[in-house]
Amino acid sequence: MDDKVISIFHLRENAARRAREREEGLRAMDAALNEFQENLLNLIDPARRRTRAIVYAANHAREWAEEGARLQSLREQAGVSRTALAKTLGVSPQRIARLEQGMPVVDERLLRAAYLLFLENLTAGKC
């Protein structure tokens, strides 16, 4: 009699485990499908892509402006002109200005890293 109780208990546990696994699998498939659908809609509708980019930029504008002001302050404290910095980094002065104003810039992370590295080396006397 005890064997039947144990086996019924194990059957229930196994059924519950399989149900949880199925549910997790369905959630993962649903997330993958939603991501695929989002990517497909972005490919089909360029205006949707632009709208998302505008929203993203609006959500990060304050953060970018603060970082740009900090970079400009560091550059000015080092006594380097925007033109000289741009020439050293191999970019246009307008690109440096956009970075300092907190506006979107192509390869922003790379440019910011080069900007900071140059100023760090300049203040350490290596340039």
N, C-alpha and C. Protein backbone atom coordinates (compact mmCIF):
# COMPACT_ATOMS: atom_id res chain seq x y z
N MET A 1 0.82 -1.19 0.00
CA MET A 1 0.00 0.00 0.00
C MET A 1 0.86 1.26 0.00
N ASP A 2 1.97 1.27 0.77
CA ASP A 2 2.85 2.43 0.82
C ASP A 2 3.49 2.72 -0.53
N ASP A 3 3.79 1.65 -1.30
CA ASP A 3 4.38 1.85 -2.62
C ASP A 3 3.44 2.64 -3.53
N LYS A 4 2.16 2.39 -3.42
CA LYS A 4 1.20 3.11 -4.26
C LYS A 4 1.11 4.58 -3.86
N VAL A 5 1.18 4.86 -2.57
CA VAL A 5 1.14 6.25 -2.10
C VAL A 5 2.36 7.00 -2.59
N ILE A 6 3.51 6.38 -2.46
CA ILE A 6 4.76 7.01 -2.91
C ILE A 6 4.73 7.21 -4.42
N SER A 7 4.28 6.24 -5.15
CA SER A 7 4.28 6.37 -6.60
C SER A 7 3.28 7.44 -7.05
N ILE A 8 2.14 7.56 -6.39
CA ILE A 8 1.18 8.61 -6.74
C ILE A 8 1.79 9.99 -6.43
N PHE A 9 2.48 10.08 -5.29
CA PHE A 9 3.16 11.33 -4.93
C PHE A 9 4.19 11.70 -5.99
N HIS A 10 5.01 10.72 -6.40
CA HIS A 10 6.04 10.98 -7.42
C HIS A 10 5.41 11.34 -8.76
N LEU A 11 4.30 10.69 -9.09
CA LEU A 11 3.61 11.02 -10.34
C LEU A 11 3.12 12.48 -10.33
N ARG A 12 2.57 12.90 -9.20
CA ARG A 12 2.10 14.28 -9.09
C ARG A 12 3.27 15.27 -9.18
N GLU A 13 4.36 14.96 -8.49
CA GLU A 13 5.54 15.83 -8.53
C GLU A 13 6.11 15.91 -9.95
N ASN A 14 6.19 14.77 -10.61
CA ASN A 14 6.71 14.75 -11.99
C ASN A 14 5.79 15.54 -12.92
N ALA A 15 4.49 15.38 -12.75
CA ALA A 15 3.54 16.12 -13.58
C ALA A 15 3.66 17.62 -13.33
N ALA A 16 3.81 18.01 -12.08
CA ALA A 16 3.97 19.44 -11.75
C ALA A 16 5.27 19.98 -12.32
N ARG A 17 6.35 19.22 -12.23
CA ARG A 17 7.64 19.64 -12.77
C ARG A 17 7.56 19.82 -14.28
N ARG A 18 6.94 18.85 -14.96
CA ARG A 18 6.79 18.95 -16.42
C ARG A 18 5.95 20.17 -16.81
N ALA A 19 4.91 20.45 -16.02
CA ALA A 19 4.07 21.61 -16.29
C ALA A 19 4.87 22.90 -16.14
N ARG A 20 5.69 22.97 -15.09
CA ARG A 20 6.55 24.16 -14.90
C ARG A 20 7.53 24.31 -16.05
N GLU A 21 8.14 23.22 -16.47
CA GLU A 21 9.10 23.26 -17.58
C GLU A 21 8.42 23.71 -18.87
N ARG A 22 7.20 23.19 -19.11
CA ARG A 22 6.45 23.61 -20.29
C ARG A 22 6.15 25.10 -20.24
N GLU A 23 5.73 25.57 -19.07
CA GLU A 23 5.40 26.98 -18.90
C GLU A 23 6.62 27.86 -19.12
N GLU A 24 7.77 27.47 -18.58
CA GLU A 24 9.01 28.23 -18.79
C GLU A 24 9.40 28.23 -20.26
N GLY A 25 9.24 27.08 -20.91
CA GLY A 25 9.54 26.98 -22.34
C GLY A 25 8.63 27.88 -23.15
N LEU A 26 7.35 27.91 -22.79
CA LEU A 26 6.40 28.77 -23.50
C LEU A 26 6.73 30.24 -23.29
N ARG A 27 7.12 30.61 -22.08
CA ARG A 27 7.50 32.01 -21.82
C ARG A 27 8.74 32.39 -22.64
N ALA A 28 9.71 31.48 -22.71
CA ALA A 28 10.92 31.76 -23.49
C ALA A 28 10.58 31.88 -24.97
N MET A 29 9.71 31.01 -25.46
CA MET A 29 9.31 31.08 -26.87
C MET A 29 8.54 32.37 -27.13
N ASP A 30 7.70 32.78 -26.20
CA ASP A 30 6.93 34.00 -26.34
C ASP A 30 7.85 35.22 -26.38
N ALA A 31 8.86 35.23 -25.52
CA ALA A 31 9.82 36.34 -25.51
C ALA A 31 10.60 36.39 -26.82
N ALA A 32 11.03 35.22 -27.31
CA ALA A 32 11.77 35.17 -28.58
C ALA A 32 10.89 35.63 -29.73
N LEU A 33 9.63 35.23 -29.72
CA LEU A 33 8.71 35.64 -30.77
C LEU A 33 8.48 37.15 -30.73
N ASN A 34 8.30 37.70 -29.53
CA ASN A 34 8.12 39.15 -29.41
C ASN A 34 9.34 39.91 -29.90
N GLU A 35 10.53 39.42 -29.57
CA GLU A 35 11.76 40.07 -30.05
C GLU A 35 11.86 39.99 -31.57
N PHE A 36 11.54 38.83 -32.13
CA PHE A 36 11.58 38.66 -33.59
C PHE A 36 10.59 39.62 -34.24
N GLN A 37 9.37 39.70 -33.68
CA GLN A 37 8.35 40.57 -34.23
C GLN A 37 8.80 42.04 -34.16
N GLU A 38 9.40 42.43 -33.05
CA GLU A 38 9.90 43.80 -32.89
C GLU A 38 10.97 44.11 -33.93
N ASN A 39 11.91 43.19 -34.12
CA ASN A 39 12.97 43.38 -35.10
C ASN A 39 12.41 43.44 -36.52
N LEU A 40 11.44 42.59 -36.81
CA LEU A 40 10.82 42.59 -38.14
C LEU A 40 10.10 43.90 -38.39
N LEU A 41 9.35 44.39 -37.41
CA LEU A 41 8.64 45.66 -37.57
C LEU A 41 9.62 46.81 -37.77
N ASN A 42 10.74 46.78 -37.08
CA ASN A 42 11.75 47.82 -37.25
C ASN A 42 12.37 47.78 -38.63
N LEU A 43 12.55 46.59 -39.20
CA LEU A 43 13.09 46.47 -40.55
C LEU A 43 12.10 46.96 -41.59
N ILE A 44 10.84 46.65 -41.38
CA ILE A 44 9.81 47.00 -42.35
C ILE A 44 9.49 48.49 -42.33
N ASP A 45 9.46 49.07 -41.14
CA ASP A 45 9.02 50.46 -40.98
C ASP A 45 10.14 51.35 -40.46
N PRO A 46 10.88 52.01 -41.36
CA PRO A 46 11.98 52.88 -40.91
C PRO A 46 11.51 54.02 -40.00
N ALA A 47 10.29 54.50 -40.18
CA ALA A 47 9.79 55.58 -39.32
C ALA A 47 9.69 55.11 -37.87
N ARG A 48 9.34 53.86 -37.69
CA ARG A 48 9.26 53.29 -36.33
C ARG A 48 10.64 53.27 -35.69
N ARG A 49 11.66 52.92 -36.49
CA ARG A 49 13.04 52.91 -36.00
C ARG A 49 13.45 54.31 -35.57
N ARG A 50 13.14 55.30 -36.40
CA ARG A 50 13.49 56.68 -36.08
C ARG A 50 12.77 57.14 -34.82
N THR A 51 11.51 56.78 -34.68
CA THR A 51 10.75 57.16 -33.49
C THR A 51 11.38 56.58 -32.24
N ARG A 52 11.78 55.32 -32.30
CA ARG A 52 12.42 54.71 -31.14
C ARG A 52 13.74 55.40 -30.82
N ALA A 53 14.49 55.79 -31.85
CA ALA A 53 15.76 56.48 -31.64
C ALA A 53 15.52 57.85 -30.99
N ILE A 54 14.48 58.53 -31.41
CA ILE A 54 14.16 59.84 -30.85
C ILE A 54 13.77 59.71 -29.38
N VAL A 55 12.98 58.71 -29.06
CA VAL A 55 12.58 58.47 -27.68
C VAL A 55 13.79 58.14 -26.83
N TYR A 56 14.68 57.29 -27.35
CA TYR A 56 15.89 56.92 -26.63
C TYR A 56 16.74 58.16 -26.35
N ALA A 57 16.94 58.99 -27.36
CA ALA A 57 17.75 60.20 -27.19
C ALA A 57 17.10 61.15 -26.18
N ALA A 58 15.79 61.27 -26.22
CA ALA A 58 15.10 62.15 -25.27
C ALA A 58 15.25 61.64 -23.84
N ASN A 59 15.22 60.33 -23.66
CA ASN A 59 15.35 59.75 -22.32
C ASN A 59 16.75 59.91 -21.74
N HIS A 60 17.76 60.09 -22.61
CA HIS A 60 19.14 60.17 -22.14
C HIS A 60 19.75 61.56 -22.32
N ALA A 61 18.97 62.53 -22.75
CA ALA A 61 19.50 63.86 -23.06
C ALA A 61 20.18 64.52 -21.86
N ARG A 62 19.56 64.46 -20.70
CA ARG A 62 20.13 65.11 -19.52
C ARG A 62 21.47 64.46 -19.14
N GLU A 63 21.49 63.15 -19.13
CA GLU A 63 22.72 62.40 -18.80
C GLU A 63 23.85 62.75 -19.76
N TRP A 64 23.53 62.79 -21.06
CA TRP A 64 24.54 63.13 -22.07
C TRP A 64 25.02 64.56 -21.91
N ALA A 65 24.12 65.48 -21.62
CA ALA A 65 24.50 66.89 -21.45
C ALA A 65 25.43 67.06 -20.26
N GLU A 66 25.13 66.36 -19.16
CA GLU A 66 26.00 66.44 -17.98
C GLU A 66 27.39 65.88 -18.27
N GLU A 67 27.44 64.75 -18.96
CA GLU A 67 28.74 64.16 -19.31
C GLU A 67 29.50 65.07 -20.26
N GLY A 68 28.80 65.66 -21.23
CA GLY A 68 29.44 66.58 -22.17
C GLY A 68 30.02 67.80 -21.47
N ALA A 69 29.28 68.36 -20.53
CA ALA A 69 29.76 69.52 -19.77
C ALA A 69 31.00 69.15 -18.95
N ARG A 70 30.99 67.93 -18.40
CA ARG A 70 32.16 67.47 -17.63
C ARG A 70 33.38 67.35 -18.54
N LEU A 71 33.19 66.79 -19.74
CA LEU A 71 34.30 66.65 -20.68
C LEU A 71 34.84 68.02 -21.10
N GLN A 72 33.93 68.93 -21.39
CA GLN A 72 34.35 70.28 -21.79
C GLN A 72 35.13 70.94 -20.67
N SER A 73 34.68 70.79 -19.45
CA SER A 73 35.38 71.38 -18.31
C SER A 73 36.79 70.80 -18.18
N LEU A 74 36.91 69.49 -18.33
CA LEU A 74 38.24 68.86 -18.26
C LEU A 74 39.16 69.38 -19.36
N ARG A 75 38.61 69.52 -20.57
CA ARG A 75 39.41 70.02 -21.70
C ARG A 75 39.87 71.44 -21.44
N GLU A 76 38.96 72.28 -20.94
CA GLU A 76 39.30 73.67 -20.68
C GLU A 76 40.32 73.79 -19.55
N GLN A 77 40.20 72.95 -18.52
CA GLN A 77 41.16 72.96 -17.42
C GLN A 77 42.55 72.55 -17.91
N ALA A 78 42.60 71.66 -18.91
CA ALA A 78 43.88 71.23 -19.47
C ALA A 78 44.45 72.28 -20.42
N GLY A 79 43.63 73.29 -20.78
CA GLY A 79 44.11 74.36 -21.65
C GLY A 79 44.22 73.93 -23.11
N VAL A 80 43.37 73.00 -23.53
CA VAL A 80 43.40 72.51 -24.91
C VAL A 80 42.19 73.05 -25.64
N SER A 81 42.42 73.56 -26.85
CA SER A 81 41.30 74.06 -27.64
C SER A 81 40.55 72.89 -28.26
N ARG A 82 39.33 73.15 -28.61
CA ARG A 82 38.50 72.12 -29.25
C ARG A 82 39.12 71.69 -30.58
N THR A 83 39.66 72.65 -31.33
CA THR A 83 40.27 72.36 -32.62
C THR A 83 41.52 71.50 -32.45
N ALA A 84 42.35 71.83 -31.48
CA ALA A 84 43.57 71.05 -31.25
C ALA A 84 43.24 69.62 -30.82
N LEU A 85 42.26 69.48 -29.97
CA LEU A 85 41.85 68.15 -29.53
C LEU A 85 41.30 67.35 -30.70
N ALA A 86 40.47 67.99 -31.52
CA ALA A 86 39.89 67.31 -32.68
C ALA A 86 40.98 66.85 -33.64
N LYS A 87 41.96 67.73 -33.87
CA LYS A 87 43.05 67.38 -34.79
C LYS A 87 43.85 66.20 -34.24
N THR A 88 44.12 66.19 -32.95
CA THR A 88 44.88 65.11 -32.32
C THR A 88 44.12 63.79 -32.40
N LEU A 89 42.79 63.83 -32.21
CA LEU A 89 41.99 62.61 -32.23
C LEU A 89 41.58 62.19 -33.64
N GLY A 90 41.82 63.07 -34.61
CA GLY A 90 41.49 62.73 -36.00
C GLY A 90 40.01 62.83 -36.32
N VAL A 91 39.33 63.76 -35.64
CA VAL A 91 37.92 63.99 -35.92
C VAL A 91 37.71 65.48 -36.14
N SER A 92 36.51 65.85 -36.52
CA SER A 92 36.23 67.27 -36.76
C SER A 92 35.94 67.99 -35.44
N PRO A 93 36.21 69.29 -35.39
CA PRO A 93 35.87 70.07 -34.20
C PRO A 93 34.36 70.04 -33.92
N GLN A 94 33.57 69.92 -34.98
CA GLN A 94 32.11 69.86 -34.81
C GLN A 94 31.72 68.59 -34.04
N ARG A 95 32.43 67.53 -34.28
CA ARG A 95 32.13 66.28 -33.58
C ARG A 95 32.45 66.40 -32.09
N ILE A 96 33.55 67.05 -31.80
CA ILE A 96 33.91 67.31 -30.39
C ILE A 96 32.85 68.21 -29.76
N ALA A 97 32.41 69.22 -30.50
CA ALA A 97 31.38 70.14 -29.99
C ALA A 97 30.09 69.39 -29.69
N ARG A 98 29.69 68.50 -30.60
CA ARG A 98 28.47 67.72 -30.38
C ARG A 98 28.62 66.84 -29.13
N LEU A 99 29.78 66.25 -28.96
CA LEU A 99 30.01 65.40 -27.79
C LEU A 99 29.90 66.23 -26.51
N GLU A 100 30.50 67.42 -26.53
CA GLU A 100 30.49 68.28 -25.35
C GLU A 100 29.10 68.88 -25.07
N GLN A 101 28.29 68.98 -26.09
CA GLN A 101 26.94 69.51 -25.92
C GLN A 101 25.93 68.42 -25.55
N GLY A 102 26.40 67.18 -25.51
CA GLY A 102 25.52 66.07 -25.14
C GLY A 102 24.64 65.59 -26.26
N MET A 103 25.03 65.88 -27.48
CA MET A 103 24.25 65.44 -28.64
C MET A 103 24.77 64.07 -29.10
N PRO A 104 23.90 63.29 -29.75
CA PRO A 104 24.35 61.98 -30.24
C PRO A 104 25.50 62.11 -31.23
N VAL A 105 26.50 61.25 -31.05
CA VAL A 105 27.70 61.27 -31.89
C VAL A 105 28.00 59.82 -32.30
N VAL A 106 28.42 59.64 -33.55
CA VAL A 106 28.81 58.31 -34.01
C VAL A 106 30.02 57.84 -33.21
N ASP A 107 30.01 56.61 -32.80
CA ASP A 107 31.09 56.01 -31.99
C ASP A 107 31.36 56.83 -30.73
N GLU A 108 30.32 57.24 -30.06
CA GLU A 108 30.43 58.12 -28.91
C GLU A 108 31.31 57.53 -27.81
N ARG A 109 31.15 56.27 -27.51
CA ARG A 109 31.94 55.65 -26.43
C ARG A 109 33.42 55.64 -26.77
N LEU A 110 33.74 55.31 -28.00
CA LEU A 110 35.14 55.28 -28.43
C LEU A 110 35.73 56.69 -28.41
N LEU A 111 34.98 57.64 -28.91
CA LEU A 111 35.46 59.03 -28.94
C LEU A 111 35.67 59.55 -27.52
N ARG A 112 34.72 59.25 -26.62
CA ARG A 112 34.85 59.70 -25.24
C ARG A 112 36.07 59.07 -24.58
N ALA A 113 36.32 57.79 -24.84
CA ALA A 113 37.48 57.12 -24.26
C ALA A 113 38.78 57.75 -24.77
N ALA A 114 38.85 58.04 -26.07
CA ALA A 114 40.04 58.67 -26.65
C ALA A 114 40.23 60.08 -26.08
N TYR A 115 39.14 60.80 -25.94
CA TYR A 115 39.13 62.15 -25.38
C TYR A 115 39.74 62.13 -23.98
N LEU A 116 39.22 61.25 -23.13
CA LEU A 116 39.70 61.16 -21.75
C LEU A 116 41.15 60.68 -21.68
N LEU A 117 41.50 59.73 -22.52
CA LEU A 117 42.88 59.22 -22.54
C LEU A 117 43.85 60.32 -22.93
N PHE A 118 43.49 61.10 -23.95
CA PHE A 118 44.35 62.20 -24.37
C PHE A 118 44.55 63.20 -23.24
N LEU A 119 43.45 63.60 -22.59
CA LEU A 119 43.54 64.58 -21.50
C LEU A 119 44.32 64.02 -20.31
N GLU A 120 44.13 62.74 -20.03
CA GLU A 120 44.87 62.10 -18.94
C GLU A 120 46.37 62.10 -19.23
N ASN A 121 46.75 61.74 -20.46
CA ASN A 121 48.15 61.73 -20.84
C ASN A 121 48.74 63.15 -20.86
N LEU A 122 47.92 64.11 -21.26
CA LEU A 122 48.36 65.50 -21.31
C LEU A 122 48.66 66.01 -19.90
N THR A 123 47.78 65.74 -18.96
CA THR A 123 47.99 66.21 -17.60
C THR A 123 49.12 65.45 -16.89
N ALA A 124 49.40 64.22 -17.36
CA ALA A 124 50.49 63.45 -16.78
C ALA A 124 51.83 63.82 -17.43
N GLY A 125 51.79 64.70 -18.44
CA GLY A 125 53.01 65.14 -19.08
C GLY A 125 53.54 64.20 -20.14
N LYS A 126 52.69 63.29 -20.63
CA LYS A 126 53.15 62.31 -21.63
C LYS A 126 52.95 62.82 -23.06
N CYS A 127 52.22 63.92 -23.24
CA CYS A 127 51.99 64.45 -24.59
C CYS A 127 52.82 65.68 -24.84
